[in-house]
Amino acid sequence: MSFSPAVRQDRSFTPIVGRRAYSPQLTSAASNAFGADTALTRLFFCSVPERLSPPRAIFWEGDAATHVFYLLEGFLRISRTLQDGRRAVLGFAYAGDLVGLSFQDTYLLTAEVVKAVRLKRLARRRFEELIDKADLRPLLLAEIRRELSSAQEQIVRLGRTSAEERVATFLLNLALRVRSASDAADPDEIDLPFGRLDIADYLGLTVETVSREISKLKRDGLISARGPHKIVLRRLGIIRQLARMNIDQPCNKNCC
């Protein structure tokens, strides 16, 4: 598996209060089948939206687990640092996700901003009080079970699939995650804010292998680039075949 050296940037988290009012429509759109349950995200209704731009982290591995975050916009990279200082990318967080759910006193992972985010946060103690008051503990446990299931699937994927399958699955899951790519007949444009190194570290490949597989998909006319951070999936049916994904197979939370 390919890991990159960990780089700890500015640890300070200085929230910038957004000027726009909180939008219930955004919550409804973001809290879909891939994100946290709507009942859980409603607990953040009274929290003030905050903005954060890269390169920053909302928390670092080992920090006191004082808050839970609800991501409204943008992308976060979830990673962990190995004993020798290398970084392992474990996943990415998207609009609609809850981040920082932990029953430990410290965060076990690092959550860094990949693309400018808008988020809300609740003190962990207050979050747990609201969970118990609204009798939402079963939904919280279901959310945690989904994360564990996704982690198990990622372990299997890294151990039993080829580079071609991993890259194809990553692109499809990203499309399903942020664009709801349900129509295999139409091209689907997706935002790809992650660098090749991030993708390589997540897929357990080298940067060269990721670049080679993406170039092959372009040559075969399955995808095309639209600017430095956008990719159009043009032949979703064939890409699904490469990924060995059923056409109606859903993407689990945090699977990409």
Protein backbone atom coordinates (compact mmCIF):
# COMPACT_ATOMS: atom_id res chain seq x y z
CA MET A 1 0.00 0.00 0.00
CA SER A 2 1.21 3.47 -0.82
CA PHE A 3 1.33 6.03 1.97
CA SER A 4 2.57 9.58 1.83
CA PRO A 5 4.47 11.44 4.56
CA ALA A 6 2.14 13.20 6.96
CA VAL A 7 2.28 16.99 6.92
CA ARG A 8 0.78 18.72 9.94
CA GLN A 9 -0.34 22.18 8.99
CA ASP A 10 -1.82 24.95 11.09
CA ARG A 11 -3.63 23.19 13.96
CA SER A 12 -5.65 26.21 14.95
CA PHE A 13 -9.34 26.21 14.09
CA THR A 14 -10.61 29.76 13.83
CA PRO A 15 -14.22 29.58 12.70
CA ILE A 16 -15.49 32.22 10.32
CA VAL A 17 -19.20 32.82 10.73
CA GLY A 18 -21.02 32.69 7.42
CA ARG A 19 -23.17 35.65 6.47
CA ARG A 20 -25.85 33.59 4.78
CA ALA A 21 -28.71 32.33 6.87
CA TYR A 22 -29.05 28.62 7.56
CA SER A 23 -30.91 26.91 4.75
CA PRO A 24 -33.32 24.06 5.62
CA GLN A 25 -33.37 23.13 1.93
CA LEU A 26 -29.64 22.45 2.07
CA THR A 27 -30.12 20.13 5.01
CA SER A 28 -32.86 18.25 3.20
CA ALA A 29 -30.75 17.85 0.08
CA ALA A 30 -27.59 16.92 1.92
CA SER A 31 -29.14 14.44 4.35
CA ASN A 32 -29.81 11.83 1.73
CA ALA A 33 -29.28 8.09 1.75
CA PHE A 34 -25.52 8.63 1.75
CA GLY A 35 -25.35 11.11 4.61
CA ALA A 36 -26.45 11.25 8.21
CA ASP A 37 -30.08 10.70 9.11
CA THR A 38 -32.12 13.92 8.90
CA ALA A 39 -33.24 13.55 12.52
CA LEU A 40 -29.60 13.66 13.62
CA THR A 41 -28.66 16.65 11.48
CA ARG A 42 -31.63 18.61 12.82
CA LEU A 43 -29.84 18.71 16.15
CA PHE A 44 -27.52 21.30 14.57
CA PHE A 45 -30.37 23.63 13.59
CA CYS A 46 -29.47 26.33 16.11
CA SER A 47 -25.72 26.17 15.43
CA VAL A 48 -24.16 28.99 13.43
CA PRO A 49 -22.60 27.96 10.08
CA GLU A 50 -18.83 28.35 9.90
CA ARG A 51 -16.51 28.50 6.91
CA LEU A 52 -13.05 27.04 6.59
CA SER A 53 -10.65 26.95 3.63
CA PRO A 54 -7.68 24.65 2.96
CA PRO A 55 -5.08 23.97 4.11
CA ARG A 56 -6.72 23.58 7.52
CA ALA A 57 -8.04 20.81 9.73
CA ILE A 58 -11.17 20.80 11.84
CA PHE A 59 -9.43 18.41 14.21
CA TRP A 60 -6.26 16.37 14.39
CA GLU A 61 -5.70 12.81 15.48
CA GLY A 62 -5.05 12.86 19.22
CA ASP A 63 -6.92 16.13 19.88
CA ALA A 64 -9.53 16.12 22.63
CA ALA A 65 -12.86 15.01 21.13
CA THR A 66 -14.79 18.10 22.16
CA HIS A 67 -17.15 18.61 19.19
CA VAL A 68 -19.23 16.84 16.55
CA PHE A 69 -19.44 18.45 13.09
CA TYR A 70 -22.14 18.50 10.41
CA LEU A 71 -20.77 19.20 6.94
CA LEU A 72 -23.02 21.45 4.82
CA GLU A 73 -20.73 22.09 1.84
CA GLY A 74 -17.28 21.06 0.64
CA PHE A 75 -15.04 18.05 1.18
CA LEU A 76 -12.90 16.73 4.01
CA ARG A 77 -10.07 14.20 3.87
CA ILE A 78 -10.10 11.65 6.70
CA SER A 79 -6.70 10.21 7.52
CA ARG A 80 -4.54 8.64 10.16
CA THR A 81 -0.81 8.86 10.80
CA LEU A 82 1.26 5.70 11.13
CA GLN A 83 4.00 5.31 13.72
CA ASP A 84 6.72 6.07 11.18
CA GLY A 85 5.01 9.36 10.21
CA ARG A 86 3.37 8.22 6.97
CA ARG A 87 -0.23 9.16 6.22
CA ALA A 88 -3.02 6.69 5.45
CA VAL A 89 -6.13 8.19 3.82
CA LEU A 90 -9.15 6.33 5.17
CA GLY A 91 -11.93 8.17 3.35
CA PHE A 92 -13.56 11.47 2.48
CA ALA A 93 -16.48 13.36 4.00
CA TYR A 94 -19.13 15.11 1.92
CA ALA A 95 -22.07 17.44 2.43
CA GLY A 96 -24.59 15.71 4.67
CA ASP A 97 -22.02 13.80 6.73
CA LEU A 98 -21.51 13.91 10.47
CA VAL A 99 -17.81 14.07 11.36
CA GLY A 100 -16.15 13.51 14.71
CA LEU A 101 -18.52 10.89 16.09
CA SER A 102 -16.42 9.28 18.77
CA PHE A 103 -16.96 7.57 22.10
CA GLN A 104 -13.29 8.12 22.90
CA ASP A 105 -11.82 11.07 24.76
CA THR A 106 -9.66 11.93 21.76
CA TYR A 107 -10.18 11.93 17.99
CA LEU A 108 -8.72 8.79 16.43
CA LEU A 109 -8.49 10.41 12.97
CA THR A 110 -7.59 13.69 11.32
CA ALA A 111 -10.19 15.62 9.26
CA GLU A 112 -8.61 18.11 6.85
CA VAL A 113 -10.30 20.52 4.46
CA VAL A 114 -9.81 19.53 0.81
CA LYS A 115 -12.24 22.04 -0.66
CA ALA A 116 -13.64 25.06 1.20
CA VAL A 117 -16.27 23.84 3.64
CA ARG A 118 -19.30 25.23 5.38
CA LEU A 119 -20.17 23.34 8.52
CA LYS A 120 -21.87 23.43 11.89
CA ARG A 121 -20.62 22.06 15.14
CA LEU A 122 -22.01 21.07 18.50
CA ALA A 123 -20.16 20.48 21.73
CA ARG A 124 -19.93 16.73 22.19
CA ARG A 125 -21.63 16.88 25.58
CA ARG A 126 -24.51 18.92 24.18
CA PHE A 127 -24.81 16.58 21.19
CA GLU A 128 -25.13 13.55 23.47
CA GLU A 129 -27.68 15.35 25.66
CA LEU A 130 -29.84 16.11 22.62
CA ILE A 131 -29.45 12.54 21.35
CA ASP A 132 -30.80 11.17 24.64
CA LYS A 133 -33.51 13.80 24.97
CA ALA A 134 -34.87 13.06 21.48
CA ASP A 135 -34.36 9.29 21.89
CA LEU A 136 -32.09 9.17 18.83
CA ARG A 137 -29.51 6.74 20.20
CA PRO A 138 -30.63 3.95 17.77
CA LEU A 139 -30.09 6.31 14.79
CA LEU A 140 -26.65 7.26 16.09
CA LEU A 141 -25.68 3.61 16.44
CA ALA A 142 -26.98 2.95 12.92
CA GLU A 143 -24.76 5.77 11.63
CA ILE A 144 -21.74 4.26 13.35
CA ARG A 145 -22.60 0.80 11.99
CA ARG A 146 -22.66 2.23 8.46
CA GLU A 147 -19.19 3.66 8.97
CA LEU A 148 -17.89 0.31 10.24
CA SER A 149 -19.49 -1.51 7.31
CA SER A 150 -17.86 0.90 4.87
CA ALA A 151 -14.49 0.40 6.53
CA GLN A 152 -14.85 -3.38 6.20
CA GLU A 153 -15.76 -3.06 2.52
CA GLN A 154 -12.69 -0.90 1.95
CA ILE A 155 -10.47 -3.54 3.55
CA VAL A 156 -11.89 -6.20 1.23
CA ARG A 157 -11.55 -3.90 -1.78
CA LEU A 158 -7.88 -3.20 -1.08
CA GLY A 159 -7.08 -6.87 -0.65
CA ARG A 160 -9.09 -8.47 -3.44
CA THR A 161 -9.43 -6.06 -6.38
CA SER A 162 -7.18 -4.86 -9.19
CA ALA A 163 -5.99 -1.29 -9.75
CA GLU A 164 -8.46 -0.94 -12.63
CA GLU A 165 -11.37 -2.03 -10.42
CA ARG A 166 -10.35 0.28 -7.59
CA VAL A 167 -10.09 3.39 -9.76
CA ALA A 168 -13.34 2.63 -11.62
CA THR A 169 -15.16 1.95 -8.35
CA PHE A 170 -13.80 5.16 -6.83
CA LEU A 171 -15.08 7.29 -9.71
CA LEU A 172 -18.47 5.59 -9.75
CA ASN A 173 -18.91 5.90 -6.01
CA LEU A 174 -17.92 9.54 -6.16
CA ALA A 175 -20.55 10.13 -8.85
CA LEU A 176 -23.19 8.30 -6.83
CA ARG A 177 -22.15 10.14 -3.70
CA VAL A 178 -22.31 13.70 -5.00
CA ARG A 179 -24.31 13.55 -8.21
CA SER A 180 -26.71 10.59 -7.85
CA ALA A 181 -25.60 8.95 -11.09
CA SER A 182 -28.66 6.77 -11.66
CA ASP A 183 -29.04 7.20 -15.45
CA ALA A 184 -26.41 5.10 -17.22
CA ALA A 185 -27.27 6.68 -20.58
CA ASP A 186 -26.21 10.23 -19.74
CA PRO A 187 -22.69 11.50 -19.05
CA ASP A 188 -22.18 12.57 -15.47
CA GLU A 189 -19.82 15.38 -14.47
CA ILE A 190 -18.24 15.08 -11.06
CA ASP A 191 -16.06 17.38 -9.02
CA LEU A 192 -12.70 15.80 -8.22
CA PRO A 193 -11.13 18.07 -5.60
CA PHE A 194 -8.77 15.37 -4.37
CA GLY A 195 -5.20 15.22 -5.63
CA ARG A 196 -3.76 12.10 -7.25
CA LEU A 197 -1.74 11.49 -4.08
CA ASP A 198 -4.92 11.51 -1.96
CA ILE A 199 -6.59 9.04 -4.32
CA ALA A 200 -3.51 6.82 -4.39
CA ASP A 201 -3.24 6.74 -0.61
CA TYR A 202 -6.93 5.91 -0.31
CA LEU A 203 -6.88 3.16 -2.94
CA GLY A 204 -3.60 1.64 -1.75
CA LEU A 205 -1.86 2.38 -5.07
CA THR A 206 1.03 4.51 -6.26
CA VAL A 207 0.42 7.90 -7.85
CA GLU A 208 1.86 6.53 -11.09
CA THR A 209 -0.65 3.65 -11.11
CA VAL A 210 -3.61 5.98 -10.48
CA SER A 211 -2.46 8.29 -13.29
CA ARG A 212 -1.99 5.35 -15.64
CA GLU A 213 -5.48 3.94 -14.95
CA ILE A 214 -7.14 7.35 -15.37
CA SER A 215 -5.24 7.90 -18.64
CA LYS A 216 -6.41 4.49 -19.87
CA LEU A 217 -10.05 5.38 -19.10
CA LYS A 218 -9.58 8.60 -21.09
CA ARG A 219 -8.03 6.80 -24.07
CA ASP A 220 -10.90 4.34 -24.13
CA GLY A 221 -13.40 7.19 -24.20
CA LEU A 222 -14.97 6.19 -20.88
CA ILE A 223 -14.15 9.48 -19.15
CA SER A 224 -12.99 12.94 -20.15
CA ALA A 225 -11.49 15.86 -18.25
CA ARG A 226 -13.23 19.20 -18.01
CA GLY A 227 -10.72 21.49 -16.36
CA PRO A 228 -8.22 20.43 -13.69
CA HIS A 229 -10.80 19.26 -11.14
CA LYS A 230 -13.74 17.88 -13.10
CA ILE A 231 -14.25 14.53 -14.80
CA VAL A 232 -17.14 13.47 -17.03
CA LEU A 233 -18.14 9.82 -16.84
CA ARG A 234 -19.32 9.16 -20.39
CA ARG A 235 -20.01 5.43 -20.48
CA LEU A 236 -21.22 4.52 -17.02
CA GLY A 237 -22.35 1.04 -18.04
CA ILE A 238 -18.87 0.01 -19.16
CA ILE A 239 -17.25 1.66 -16.13
CA ARG A 240 -19.60 -0.35 -13.93
CA GLN A 241 -18.47 -3.48 -15.71
CA LEU A 242 -14.83 -2.61 -15.01
CA ALA A 243 -15.71 -2.02 -11.35
CA ARG A 244 -17.83 -5.18 -11.29
CA MET A 245 -20.63 -3.08 -9.81
CA ASN A 246 -24.26 -3.89 -10.46
CA ILE A 247 -26.06 -1.12 -12.32
CA ASP A 248 -28.46 -0.53 -9.42
CA GLN A 249 -25.93 -1.15 -6.67
CA PRO A 250 -25.98 1.73 -4.16
CA CYS A 251 -22.93 3.38 -2.70
CA ASN A 252 -22.51 3.06 1.05
CA LYS A 253 -21.68 6.05 3.16
CA ASN A 254 -17.97 7.03 3.10
CA CYS A 255 -17.22 4.32 0.56
CA CYS A 256 -15.20 6.79 -1.42
